[in-house]
């Protein structure tokens, strides 16, 4: 297993990141990306897991559920 951290500078950077992220990788992003119009829709449709950084407990819960599903499905 590994963690890839991407610090993008603009919305269009997301499109480039999609090309370099390995297969069977589970991306997690801040919930604010959902509100970037077509970029937000594309992120949602591609299966990105969104977390609310302002609500720490909720973010930890989402990450914990994601980790459990990843172990169950043998996904990185």
PDB file of N, CA and C in Angstrom:
ATOM      1  N   UNK A   1       0.829  -1.205   0.000  1.00  0.00           N
ATOM      2  CA  UNK A   1       0.000   0.000   0.000  1.00  0.00           C
ATOM      3  C   UNK A   1       0.866   1.258   0.000  1.00  0.00           C
ATOM      4  N   UNK A   2       0.308   2.325  -0.518  1.00  0.00           N
ATOM      5  CA  UNK A   2       1.028   3.583  -0.543  1.00  0.00           C
ATOM      6  C   UNK A   2       0.044   4.734  -0.555  1.00  0.00           C
ATOM      7  N   UNK A   3       0.561   5.920  -0.270  1.00  0.00           N
ATOM      8  CA  UNK A   3      -0.246   7.139  -0.264  1.00  0.00           C
ATOM      9  C   UNK A   3       0.395   8.113  -1.236  1.00  0.00           C
ATOM     10  N   UNK A   4      -0.422   8.691  -2.107  1.00  0.00           N
ATOM     11  CA  UNK A   4       0.036   9.719  -3.038  1.00  0.00           C
ATOM     12  C   UNK A   4      -0.622  11.024  -2.620  1.00  0.00           C
ATOM     13  N   UNK A   5       0.168  12.043  -2.389  1.00  0.00           N
ATOM     14  CA  UNK A   5      -0.359  13.345  -2.005  1.00  0.00           C
ATOM     15  C   UNK A   5      -0.126  14.301  -3.161  1.00  0.00           C
ATOM     16  N   UNK A   6      -1.198  14.921  -3.641  1.00  0.00           N
ATOM     17  CA  UNK A   6      -1.108  15.853  -4.763  1.00  0.00           C
ATOM     18  C   UNK A   6      -1.510  17.243  -4.282  1.00  0.00           C
ATOM     19  N   UNK A   7      -0.641  18.189  -4.456  1.00  0.00           N
ATOM     20  CA  UNK A   7      -0.926  19.574  -4.110  1.00  0.00           C
ATOM     21  C   UNK A   7      -1.113  20.341  -5.413  1.00  0.00           C
ATOM     22  N   UNK A   8      -2.346  20.384  -5.880  1.00  0.00           N
ATOM     23  CA  UNK A   8      -2.603  21.026  -7.166  1.00  0.00           C
ATOM     24  C   UNK A   8      -2.752  22.528  -6.998  1.00  0.00           C
ATOM     25  N   UNK A   9      -2.481  23.256  -8.056  1.00  0.00           N
ATOM     26  CA  UNK A   9      -2.534  24.714  -8.034  1.00  0.00           C
ATOM     27  C   UNK A   9      -3.774  25.281  -8.714  1.00  0.00           C
ATOM     28  N   UNK A  10      -4.401  24.506  -9.575  1.00  0.00           N
ATOM     29  CA  UNK A  10      -5.588  24.978 -10.298  1.00  0.00           C
ATOM     30  C   UNK A  10      -6.532  23.807 -10.540  1.00  0.00           C
ATOM     31  N   UNK A  11      -7.753  24.110 -10.896  1.00  0.00           N
ATOM     32  CA  UNK A  11      -8.759  23.067 -11.143  1.00  0.00           C
ATOM     33  C   UNK A  11      -8.352  22.129 -12.262  1.00  0.00           C
ATOM     34  N   UNK A  12      -7.689  22.652 -13.272  1.00  0.00           N
ATOM     35  CA  UNK A  12      -7.305  21.820 -14.411  1.00  0.00           C
ATOM     36  C   UNK A  12      -6.214  20.817 -14.060  1.00  0.00           C
ATOM     37  N   UNK A  13      -5.486  21.054 -12.976  1.00  0.00           N
ATOM     38  CA  UNK A  13      -4.468  20.103 -12.538  1.00  0.00           C
ATOM     39  C   UNK A  13      -5.084  18.737 -12.238  1.00  0.00           C
ATOM     40  N   UNK A  14      -6.337  18.747 -11.819  1.00  0.00           N
ATOM     41  CA  UNK A  14      -7.021  17.484 -11.512  1.00  0.00           C
ATOM     42  C   UNK A  14      -7.057  16.559 -12.720  1.00  0.00           C
ATOM     43  N   UNK A  15      -7.234  17.130 -13.891  1.00  0.00           N
ATOM     44  CA  UNK A  15      -7.290  16.323 -15.109  1.00  0.00           C
ATOM     45  C   UNK A  15      -5.955  15.607 -15.349  1.00  0.00           C
ATOM     46  N   UNK A  16      -4.859  16.289 -15.092  1.00  0.00           N
ATOM     47  CA  UNK A  16      -3.547  15.671 -15.253  1.00  0.00           C
ATOM     48  C   UNK A  16      -3.284  14.598 -14.208  1.00  0.00           C
ATOM     49  N   UNK A  17      -3.754  14.846 -12.985  1.00  0.00           N
ATOM     50  CA  UNK A  17      -3.551  13.867 -11.923  1.00  0.00           C
ATOM     51  C   UNK A  17      -4.275  12.567 -12.217  1.00  0.00           C
ATOM     52  N   UNK A  18      -5.418  12.662 -12.843  1.00  0.00           N
ATOM     53  CA  UNK A  18      -6.185  11.459 -13.174  1.00  0.00           C
ATOM     54  C   UNK A  18      -5.364  10.536 -14.070  1.00  0.00           C
ATOM     55  N   UNK A  19      -4.530  11.100 -14.903  1.00  0.00           N
ATOM     56  CA  UNK A  19      -3.716  10.301 -15.825  1.00  0.00           C
ATOM     57  C   UNK A  19      -2.553   9.595 -15.146  1.00  0.00           C
ATOM     58  N   UNK A  20      -2.049  10.124 -14.046  1.00  0.00           N
ATOM     59  CA  UNK A  20      -0.866   9.534 -13.407  1.00  0.00           C
ATOM     60  C   UNK A  20      -1.184   8.687 -12.180  1.00  0.00           C
ATOM     61  N   UNK A  21      -2.397   8.761 -11.672  1.00  0.00           N
ATOM     62  CA  UNK A  21      -2.776   7.958 -10.506  1.00  0.00           C
ATOM     63  C   UNK A  21      -2.897   6.500 -10.941  1.00  0.00           C
ATOM     64  N   UNK A  22      -2.289   5.580 -10.198  1.00  0.00           N
ATOM     65  CA  UNK A  22      -2.328   4.158 -10.577  1.00  0.00           C
ATOM     66  C   UNK A  22      -3.749   3.588 -10.577  1.00  0.00           C
ATOM     67  N   UNK A  23      -3.923   2.498 -11.322  1.00  0.00           N
ATOM     68  CA  UNK A  23      -5.213   1.815 -11.326  1.00  0.00           C
ATOM     69  C   UNK A  23      -5.507   1.281  -9.940  1.00  0.00           C
ATOM     70  N   UNK A  24      -6.768   1.098  -9.645  1.00  0.00           N
ATOM     71  CA  UNK A  24      -7.238   0.567  -8.361  1.00  0.00           C
ATOM     72  C   UNK A  24      -6.850   1.449  -7.189  1.00  0.00           C
ATOM     73  N   UNK A  25      -6.561   2.702  -7.457  1.00  0.00           N
ATOM     74  CA  UNK A  25      -6.244   3.668  -6.415  1.00  0.00           C
ATOM     75  C   UNK A  25      -7.552   4.340  -5.985  1.00  0.00           C
ATOM     76  N   UNK A  26      -7.680   4.631  -4.700  1.00  0.00           N
ATOM     77  CA  UNK A  26      -8.891   5.263  -4.193  1.00  0.00           C
ATOM     78  C   UNK A  26      -8.571   6.706  -3.835  1.00  0.00           C
ATOM     79  N   UNK A  27      -8.988   7.646  -4.676  1.00  0.00           N
ATOM     80  CA  UNK A  27      -8.680   9.054  -4.389  1.00  0.00           C
ATOM     81  C   UNK A  27      -9.620   9.646  -3.341  1.00  0.00           C
ATOM     82  N   UNK A  28      -9.063  10.473  -2.473  1.00  0.00           N
ATOM     83  CA  UNK A  28      -9.825  11.205  -1.463  1.00  0.00           C
ATOM     84  C   UNK A  28      -9.535  12.682  -1.682  1.00  0.00           C
ATOM     85  N   UNK A  29     -10.585  13.501  -1.650  1.00  0.00           N
ATOM     86  CA  UNK A  29     -10.416  14.940  -1.903  1.00  0.00           C
ATOM     87  C   UNK A  29     -11.312  15.737  -0.968  1.00  0.00           C
ATOM     88  N   UNK A  30     -10.997  17.009  -0.849  1.00  0.00           N
ATOM     89  CA  UNK A  30     -11.826  17.882  -0.025  1.00  0.00           C
ATOM     90  C   UNK A  30     -13.184  18.083  -0.688  1.00  0.00           C
ATOM     91  N   UNK A  31     -14.206  18.177   0.134  1.00  0.00           N
ATOM     92  CA  UNK A  31     -15.587  18.268  -0.344  1.00  0.00           C
ATOM     93  C   UNK A  31     -15.831  19.514  -1.203  1.00  0.00           C
ATOM     94  N   UNK A  32     -15.057  20.552  -0.978  1.00  0.00           N
ATOM     95  CA  UNK A  32     -15.240  21.800  -1.738  1.00  0.00           C
ATOM     96  C   UNK A  32     -15.100  21.592  -3.240  1.00  0.00           C
ATOM     97  N   UNK A  33     -14.374  20.561  -3.651  1.00  0.00           N
ATOM     98  CA  UNK A  33     -14.208  20.293  -5.085  1.00  0.00           C
ATOM     99  C   UNK A  33     -15.530  19.959  -5.771  1.00  0.00           C
ATOM    100  N   UNK A  34     -16.491  19.468  -4.998  1.00  0.00           N
ATOM    101  CA  UNK A  34     -17.799  19.148  -5.577  1.00  0.00           C
ATOM    102  C   UNK A  34     -18.466  20.372  -6.203  1.00  0.00           C
ATOM    103  N   UNK A  35     -18.111  21.545  -5.737  1.00  0.00           N
ATOM    104  CA  UNK A  35     -18.785  22.772  -6.162  1.00  0.00           C
ATOM    105  C   UNK A  35     -18.039  23.513  -7.262  1.00  0.00           C
ATOM    106  N   UNK A  36     -17.183  22.816  -7.999  1.00  0.00           N
ATOM    107  CA  UNK A  36     -16.426  23.441  -9.080  1.00  0.00           C
ATOM    108  C   UNK A  36     -17.059  23.170 -10.451  1.00  0.00           C
ATOM    109  N   UNK A  37     -18.361  23.139 -10.504  1.00  0.00           N
ATOM    110  CA  UNK A  37     -19.056  22.960 -11.778  1.00  0.00           C
ATOM    111  C   UNK A  37     -18.780  21.607 -12.404  1.00  0.00           C
ATOM    112  N   UNK A  38     -18.399  21.619 -13.661  1.00  0.00           N
ATOM    113  CA  UNK A  38     -18.183  20.352 -14.378  1.00  0.00           C
ATOM    114  C   UNK A  38     -17.014  19.556 -13.806  1.00  0.00           C
ATOM    115  N   UNK A  39     -16.028  20.230 -13.237  1.00  0.00           N
ATOM    116  CA  UNK A  39     -14.908  19.529 -12.602  1.00  0.00           C
ATOM    117  C   UNK A  39     -15.422  18.746 -11.398  1.00  0.00           C
ATOM    118  N   UNK A  40     -16.296  19.360 -10.617  1.00  0.00           N
ATOM    119  CA  UNK A  40     -16.890  18.679  -9.467  1.00  0.00           C
ATOM    120  C   UNK A  40     -17.692  17.460  -9.873  1.00  0.00           C
ATOM    121  N   UNK A  41     -18.491  17.612 -10.915  1.00  0.00           N
ATOM    122  CA  UNK A  41     -19.274  16.468 -11.423  1.00  0.00           C
ATOM    123  C   UNK A  41     -18.358  15.350 -11.906  1.00  0.00           C
ATOM    124  N   UNK A  42     -17.306  15.717 -12.622  1.00  0.00           N
ATOM    125  CA  UNK A  42     -16.363  14.712 -13.124  1.00  0.00           C
ATOM    126  C   UNK A  42     -15.689  13.976 -11.966  1.00  0.00           C
ATOM    127  N   UNK A  43     -15.323  14.713 -10.930  1.00  0.00           N
ATOM    128  CA  UNK A  43     -14.716  14.079  -9.746  1.00  0.00           C
ATOM    129  C   UNK A  43     -15.693  13.109  -9.096  1.00  0.00           C
ATOM    130  N   UNK A  44     -16.915  13.538  -8.926  1.00  0.00           N
ATOM    131  CA  UNK A  44     -17.947  12.700  -8.300  1.00  0.00           C
ATOM    132  C   UNK A  44     -18.203  11.442  -9.127  1.00  0.00           C
ATOM    133  N   UNK A  45     -18.326  11.617 -10.441  1.00  0.00           N
ATOM    134  CA  UNK A  45     -18.592  10.475 -11.314  1.00  0.00           C
ATOM    135  C   UNK A  45     -17.419   9.505 -11.377  1.00  0.00           C
ATOM    136  N   UNK A  46     -16.209   9.991 -11.151  1.00  0.00           N
ATOM    137  CA  UNK A  46     -15.046   9.113 -11.212  1.00  0.00           C
ATOM    138  C   UNK A  46     -14.828   8.339  -9.914  1.00  0.00           C
ATOM    139  N   UNK A  47     -15.653   8.590  -8.909  1.00  0.00           N
ATOM    140  CA  UNK A  47     -15.584   7.795  -7.687  1.00  0.00           C
ATOM    141  C   UNK A  47     -14.694   8.351  -6.595  1.00  0.00           C
ATOM    142  N   UNK A  48     -14.357   9.614  -6.677  1.00  0.00           N
ATOM    143  CA  UNK A  48     -13.541  10.230  -5.637  1.00  0.00           C
ATOM    144  C   UNK A  48     -14.331  10.262  -4.328  1.00  0.00           C
ATOM    145  N   UNK A  49     -13.663   9.951  -3.223  1.00  0.00           N
ATOM    146  CA  UNK A  49     -14.263  10.012  -1.900  1.00  0.00           C
ATOM    147  C   UNK A  49     -14.030  11.416  -1.358  1.00  0.00           C
ATOM    148  N   UNK A  50     -15.101  12.096  -0.967  1.00  0.00           N
ATOM    149  CA  UNK A  50     -14.991  13.474  -0.498  1.00  0.00           C
ATOM    150  C   UNK A  50     -15.085  13.535   1.026  1.00  0.00           C
ATOM    151  N   UNK A  51     -14.249  14.375   1.623  1.00  0.00           N
ATOM    152  CA  UNK A  51     -14.297  14.579   3.068  1.00  0.00           C
ATOM    153  C   UNK A  51     -14.478  16.055   3.370  1.00  0.00           C
ATOM    154  N   UNK A  52     -15.114  16.327   4.514  1.00  0.00           N
ATOM    155  CA  UNK A  52     -15.280  17.701   4.981  1.00  0.00           C
ATOM    156  C   UNK A  52     -14.164  17.997   5.972  1.00  0.00           C
ATOM    157  N   UNK A  53     -13.212  18.783   5.563  1.00  0.00           N
ATOM    158  CA  UNK A  53     -12.061  19.055   6.419  1.00  0.00           C
ATOM    159  C   UNK A  53     -12.434  19.859   7.659  1.00  0.00           C
ATOM    160  N   UNK A  54     -13.493  20.648   7.604  1.00  0.00           N
ATOM    161  CA  UNK A  54     -13.902  21.442   8.756  1.00  0.00           C
ATOM    162  C   UNK A  54     -14.534  20.572   9.843  1.00  0.00           C
ATOM    163  N   UNK A  55     -15.085  19.422   9.470  1.00  0.00           N
ATOM    164  CA  UNK A  55     -15.721  18.506  10.425  1.00  0.00           C
ATOM    165  C   UNK A  55     -14.812  17.291  10.605  1.00  0.00           C
ATOM    166  N   UNK A  56     -13.870  17.405  11.515  1.00  0.00           N
ATOM    167  CA  UNK A  56     -12.835  16.388  11.712  1.00  0.00           C
ATOM    168  C   UNK A  56     -13.429  15.001  11.970  1.00  0.00           C
ATOM    169  N   UNK A  57     -14.419  14.905  12.870  1.00  0.00           N
ATOM    170  CA  UNK A  57     -15.013  13.601  13.194  1.00  0.00           C
ATOM    171  C   UNK A  57     -15.653  12.947  11.970  1.00  0.00           C
ATOM    172  N   UNK A  58     -16.358  13.753  11.180  1.00  0.00           N
ATOM    173  CA  UNK A  58     -17.000  13.218   9.972  1.00  0.00           C
ATOM    174  C   UNK A  58     -15.945  12.770   8.962  1.00  0.00           C
ATOM    175  N   UNK A  59     -14.864  13.539   8.826  1.00  0.00           N
ATOM    176  CA  UNK A  59     -13.793  13.177   7.888  1.00  0.00           C
ATOM    177  C   UNK A  59     -13.131  11.869   8.305  1.00  0.00           C
ATOM    178  N   UNK A  60     -12.874  11.718   9.593  1.00  0.00           N
ATOM    179  CA  UNK A  60     -12.261  10.476  10.087  1.00  0.00           C
ATOM    180  C   UNK A  60     -13.193   9.290   9.841  1.00  0.00           C
ATOM    181  N   UNK A  61     -14.479   9.476  10.043  1.00  0.00           N
ATOM    182  CA  UNK A  61     -15.447   8.404   9.806  1.00  0.00           C
ATOM    183  C   UNK A  61     -15.453   7.977   8.336  1.00  0.00           C
ATOM    184  N   UNK A  62     -15.454   8.944   7.425  1.00  0.00           N
ATOM    185  CA  UNK A  62     -15.431   8.628   5.987  1.00  0.00           C
ATOM    186  C   UNK A  62     -14.155   7.876   5.629  1.00  0.00           C
ATOM    187  N   UNK A  63     -13.021   8.328   6.137  1.00  0.00           N
ATOM    188  CA  UNK A  63     -11.755   7.666   5.838  1.00  0.00           C
ATOM    189  C   UNK A  63     -11.735   6.256   6.428  1.00  0.00           C
ATOM    190  N   UNK A  64     -12.279   6.073   7.626  1.00  0.00           N
ATOM    191  CA  UNK A  64     -12.327   4.742   8.248  1.00  0.00           C
ATOM    192  C   UNK A  64     -13.195   3.783   7.436  1.00  0.00           C
ATOM    193  N   UNK A  65     -14.364   4.256   7.006  1.00  0.00           N
ATOM    194  CA  UNK A  65     -15.237   3.399   6.185  1.00  0.00           C
ATOM    195  C   UNK A  65     -14.579   3.066   4.858  1.00  0.00           C
ATOM    196  N   UNK A  66     -13.886   4.044   4.273  1.00  0.00           N
ATOM    197  CA  UNK A  66     -13.186   3.810   3.013  1.00  0.00           C
ATOM    198  C   UNK A  66     -12.085   2.777   3.198  1.00  0.00           C
ATOM    199  N   UNK A  67     -11.324   2.904   4.286  1.00  0.00           N
ATOM    200  CA  UNK A  67     -10.245   1.943   4.565  1.00  0.00           C
ATOM    201  C   UNK A  67     -10.798   0.534   4.749  1.00  0.00           C
ATOM    202  N   UNK A  68     -11.916   0.404   5.434  1.00  0.00           N
ATOM    203  CA  UNK A  68     -12.535  -0.919   5.622  1.00  0.00           C
ATOM    204  C   UNK A  68     -12.959  -1.515   4.288  1.00  0.00           C
ATOM    205  N   UNK A  69     -13.565  -0.704   3.446  1.00  0.00           N
ATOM    206  CA  UNK A  69     -13.986  -1.183   2.126  1.00  0.00           C
ATOM    207  C   UNK A  69     -12.780  -1.562   1.273  1.00  0.00           C
ATOM    208  N   UNK A  70     -11.702  -0.804   1.393  1.00  0.00           N
ATOM    209  CA  UNK A  70     -10.494  -1.103   0.623  1.00  0.00           C
ATOM    210  C   UNK A  70      -9.897  -2.440   1.047  1.00  0.00           C
ATOM    211  N   UNK A  71      -9.850  -2.684   2.351  1.00  0.00           N
ATOM    212  CA  UNK A  71      -9.338  -3.974   2.828  1.00  0.00           C
ATOM    213  C   UNK A  71     -10.232  -5.124   2.358  1.00  0.00           C
ATOM    214  N   UNK A  72     -11.532  -4.911   2.437  1.00  0.00           N
ATOM    215  CA  UNK A  72     -12.487  -5.943   2.028  1.00  0.00           C
ATOM    216  C   UNK A  72     -12.351  -6.272   0.541  1.00  0.00           C
ATOM    217  N   UNK A  73     -12.160  -5.235  -0.290  1.00  0.00           N
ATOM    218  CA  UNK A  73     -12.114  -5.413  -1.736  1.00  0.00           C
ATOM    219  C   UNK A  73     -10.691  -5.568  -2.276  1.00  0.00           C
ATOM    220  N   UNK A  74      -9.700  -5.584  -1.374  1.00  0.00           N
ATOM    221  CA  UNK A  74      -8.299  -5.723  -1.755  1.00  0.00           C
ATOM    222  C   UNK A  74      -7.870  -4.648  -2.760  1.00  0.00           C
ATOM    223  N   UNK A  75      -8.164  -3.409  -2.407  1.00  0.00           N
ATOM    224  CA  UNK A  75      -7.831  -2.257  -3.240  1.00  0.00           C
ATOM    225  C   UNK A  75      -6.759  -1.442  -2.524  1.00  0.00           C
ATOM    226  N   UNK A  76      -5.845  -0.855  -3.281  1.00  0.00           N
ATOM    227  CA  UNK A  76      -4.828   0.016  -2.670  1.00  0.00           C
ATOM    228  C   UNK A  76      -5.450   1.326  -2.276  1.00  0.00           C
TER     229      UNK A  76
END
